[in-house]
Amino acid sequence: MKIYKKLTGTLLAIAFGSILFAFSPAGKVYLTHTGHIWFFAGTAMEDVDANNYQVAANLNPSTGEMAYSVLVKGFEFRRALMQEHFNENYMESDKYPKSTFKGKISDISKVNFDKNGTYNVKVSGDLNVHGVTKTVSAPGTITVSADSVHAKSNFTIALKDYNITIPSVVKDKISETVQIHVDVAYSKK
């Protein structure tokens, strides 16, 4: 099963990267297929969190355009039962196998991709989760080093905005909002 997940993630990353590269204007585009997205949707009664390292991402440093694609089944929980409920009952991952973000760093001129440093930026774009697309905006950081460009952001979404319902039997254990964390390192090579 783990080999299947890794193979599926790699194939998605290659396909996603190829599509994004084909539609990007001439010039440098940073890509990765090993980004990290995790979320927290717990309450005082229960920690509900998961990690996903099967994140394909693209960043065009000239325009600030960026895109992310993540396999929903790639989220890993500490408990198998949580993962099963997440995929079958909440995210319906067979019906909605991936979540995506397509947006832009609105103040890309603040970032000097030729100079090492950390730059505060604003990101906005369309987040698609559970078949629903909503515009989101969030602060982020771009850290430039000799061999990589590192992008980070944190933001919160409401489950009801994406037609995800929490059964009343577990409403005290799952938050109505989800804190999402993005941490992606692009290779400059």
Protein backbone atom coordinates (compact mmCIF):
# COMPACT_ATOMS: atom_id res chain seq x y z
CA MET A 1 0.00 0.00 0.00
CA LYS A 2 2.83 2.44 0.85
CA ILE A 3 4.53 1.69 -2.47
CA TYR A 4 1.21 2.36 -4.23
CA LYS A 5 0.86 5.70 -2.38
CA LYS A 6 4.41 6.74 -3.26
CA LEU A 7 4.00 5.69 -6.89
CA THR A 8 0.66 7.49 -7.15
CA GLY A 9 2.15 10.60 -5.55
CA THR A 10 5.16 10.54 -7.87
CA LEU A 11 2.99 10.09 -10.97
CA LEU A 12 0.71 12.93 -9.85
CA ALA A 13 3.71 15.16 -9.24
CA ILE A 14 5.21 14.42 -12.65
CA ALA A 15 1.90 15.01 -14.43
CA PHE A 16 1.13 18.15 -12.41
CA GLY A 17 4.65 19.53 -12.88
CA SER A 18 4.56 18.84 -16.61
CA ILE A 19 1.21 20.57 -17.01
CA LEU A 20 2.31 23.60 -15.02
CA PHE A 21 5.63 23.83 -16.83
CA ALA A 22 3.93 23.60 -20.22
CA PHE A 23 1.65 26.53 -19.43
CA SER A 24 4.26 28.71 -17.71
CA PRO A 25 5.82 31.58 -19.63
CA ALA A 26 9.45 31.21 -20.69
CA GLY A 27 11.86 31.58 -17.83
CA LYS A 28 12.68 29.89 -14.58
CA VAL A 29 9.98 27.95 -12.77
CA TYR A 30 10.59 26.24 -9.43
CA LEU A 31 9.03 22.81 -8.93
CA THR A 32 8.80 20.19 -6.21
CA HIS A 33 6.79 17.03 -5.56
CA THR A 34 7.81 16.59 -1.93
CA GLY A 35 6.14 19.55 -0.26
CA HIS A 36 4.55 19.26 3.16
CA ILE A 37 1.02 20.27 4.10
CA TRP A 38 -0.49 19.46 7.46
CA PHE A 39 -3.62 20.46 9.27
CA PHE A 40 -5.11 20.63 12.74
CA ALA A 41 -8.88 20.28 13.25
CA GLY A 42 -8.98 19.18 16.85
CA THR A 43 -10.63 20.47 19.98
CA ALA A 44 -9.87 20.31 23.71
CA MET A 45 -11.31 16.77 23.65
CA GLU A 46 -9.30 15.35 20.74
CA ASP A 47 -6.18 16.07 18.66
CA VAL A 48 -7.13 15.72 15.02
CA ASP A 49 -4.16 16.36 12.78
CA ALA A 50 -2.53 14.84 9.71
CA ASN A 51 0.53 15.27 7.49
CA ASN A 52 0.89 14.96 3.74
CA TYR A 53 4.27 14.86 1.99
CA GLN A 54 2.83 14.16 -1.49
CA VAL A 55 2.49 17.80 -2.47
CA ALA A 56 3.30 18.86 -6.02
CA ALA A 57 4.01 22.58 -6.24
CA ASN A 58 5.07 25.17 -8.80
CA LEU A 59 6.31 28.75 -8.36
CA ASN A 60 7.03 31.23 -11.14
CA PRO A 61 9.41 33.81 -9.61
CA SER A 62 8.79 36.31 -12.43
CA THR A 63 5.03 36.54 -12.01
CA GLY A 64 4.47 35.19 -8.49
CA GLU A 65 2.04 32.60 -9.82
CA MET A 66 1.96 29.41 -7.81
CA ALA A 67 0.01 26.18 -7.78
CA TYR A 68 -0.27 23.23 -5.41
CA SER A 69 -1.86 19.83 -5.79
CA VAL A 70 -2.24 17.29 -3.00
CA LEU A 71 -3.65 13.77 -2.95
CA VAL A 72 -6.29 13.64 -0.23
CA LYS A 73 -5.49 10.00 0.56
CA GLY A 74 -1.90 11.09 1.18
CA PHE A 75 -2.83 12.61 4.56
CA GLU A 76 -1.50 10.38 7.31
CA PHE A 77 -3.05 10.30 10.77
CA ARG A 78 -1.68 8.81 13.98
CA ARG A 79 -4.69 6.47 14.16
CA ALA A 80 -5.89 4.37 11.24
CA LEU A 81 -9.55 4.80 12.19
CA MET A 82 -9.24 8.61 11.95
CA GLN A 83 -7.68 8.25 8.53
CA GLU A 84 -10.46 5.93 7.40
CA HIS A 85 -13.21 8.31 8.60
CA PHE A 86 -11.40 11.29 7.05
CA ASN A 87 -11.25 9.63 3.62
CA GLU A 88 -14.63 7.90 3.59
CA ASN A 89 -16.97 10.13 5.60
CA TYR A 90 -15.60 13.67 5.49
CA MET A 91 -13.44 14.17 2.41
CA GLU A 92 -14.98 11.44 0.23
CA SER A 93 -11.54 11.01 -1.31
CA ASP A 94 -12.65 8.46 -3.90
CA LYS A 95 -15.03 11.09 -5.29
CA TYR A 96 -12.67 14.07 -4.67
CA PRO A 97 -9.16 12.56 -4.89
CA LYS A 98 -7.17 15.79 -4.74
CA SER A 99 -7.23 19.31 -3.40
CA THR A 100 -5.61 22.18 -5.28
CA PHE A 101 -4.57 25.78 -4.89
CA LYS A 102 -3.89 28.13 -7.77
CA GLY A 103 -2.91 31.65 -6.90
CA LYS A 104 -0.33 34.35 -6.79
CA ILE A 105 2.06 36.16 -4.50
CA SER A 106 0.56 39.63 -4.80
CA ASP A 107 3.71 41.47 -3.75
CA ILE A 108 6.31 39.36 -5.61
CA SER A 109 8.44 42.45 -6.20
CA LYS A 110 9.43 42.29 -2.49
CA VAL A 111 11.31 39.03 -3.13
CA ASN A 112 14.84 39.06 -4.57
CA PHE A 113 15.39 35.49 -5.77
CA ASP A 114 19.09 36.27 -6.28
CA LYS A 115 19.68 37.35 -2.67
CA ASN A 116 19.56 35.07 0.38
CA GLY A 117 16.98 36.14 2.94
CA THR A 118 13.45 35.76 4.24
CA TYR A 119 10.72 37.87 2.67
CA ASN A 120 7.21 38.43 4.02
CA VAL A 121 4.58 38.13 1.27
CA LYS A 122 0.83 37.99 0.72
CA VAL A 123 -0.70 35.09 -1.17
CA SER A 124 -4.20 34.82 -2.58
CA GLY A 125 -5.92 32.45 -4.93
CA ASP A 126 -8.46 29.68 -5.39
CA LEU A 127 -8.46 26.74 -2.98
CA ASN A 128 -10.39 23.67 -4.11
CA VAL A 129 -11.30 21.21 -1.36
CA HIS A 130 -14.03 18.55 -1.51
CA GLY A 131 -15.11 19.77 -4.95
CA VAL A 132 -15.70 23.36 -3.77
CA THR A 133 -13.52 26.30 -4.81
CA LYS A 134 -13.19 29.39 -2.61
CA THR A 135 -10.83 32.35 -2.74
CA VAL A 136 -8.40 32.49 0.19
CA SER A 137 -5.73 34.98 1.21
CA ALA A 138 -2.94 34.49 3.69
CA PRO A 139 0.40 35.90 4.75
CA GLY A 140 3.45 33.82 3.98
CA THR A 141 7.22 33.84 3.83
CA ILE A 142 9.64 33.09 1.02
CA THR A 143 13.14 32.16 2.15
CA VAL A 144 15.81 32.25 -0.53
CA SER A 145 19.09 30.38 -0.06
CA ALA A 146 21.89 29.34 -2.39
CA ASP A 147 20.20 26.10 -3.49
CA SER A 148 16.50 26.42 -2.65
CA VAL A 149 13.46 28.62 -2.31
CA HIS A 150 11.33 27.81 0.71
CA ALA A 151 7.65 28.88 0.93
CA LYS A 152 5.59 28.81 4.13
CA SER A 153 2.08 29.88 5.00
CA ASN A 154 -0.62 29.22 7.59
CA PHE A 155 -4.33 29.89 7.19
CA THR A 156 -7.70 28.74 8.48
CA ILE A 157 -10.75 27.53 6.59
CA ALA A 158 -14.28 26.70 7.74
CA LEU A 159 -15.43 23.16 6.95
CA LYS A 160 -18.96 24.32 6.11
CA ASP A 161 -17.52 26.52 3.31
CA TYR A 162 -16.39 23.32 1.57
CA ASN A 163 -19.56 21.30 2.23
CA ILE A 164 -17.86 19.12 4.84
CA THR A 165 -20.25 18.23 7.64
CA ILE A 166 -19.38 16.92 11.08
CA PRO A 167 -21.80 14.35 12.52
CA SER A 168 -23.31 15.42 15.84
CA VAL A 169 -21.85 12.34 17.56
CA VAL A 170 -18.29 13.74 17.13
CA LYS A 171 -18.98 17.49 17.04
CA ASP A 172 -17.11 17.99 20.33
CA LYS A 173 -14.01 16.28 18.93
CA ILE A 174 -13.66 17.97 15.53
CA SER A 175 -13.35 21.71 15.10
CA GLU A 176 -15.57 23.57 12.65
CA THR A 177 -12.42 25.28 11.36
CA VAL A 178 -9.18 23.77 10.13
CA GLN A 179 -5.74 25.30 10.54
CA ILE A 180 -3.70 24.53 7.42
CA HIS A 181 0.10 24.77 7.32
CA VAL A 182 2.11 24.79 4.08
CA ASP A 183 5.88 24.22 3.99
CA VAL A 184 7.41 23.69 0.55
CA ALA A 185 11.05 23.71 -0.51
CA TYR A 186 11.65 24.24 -4.22
CA SER A 187 14.98 23.30 -5.76
CA LYS A 188 16.71 26.11 -7.63
CA LYS A 189 18.41 23.58 -9.93
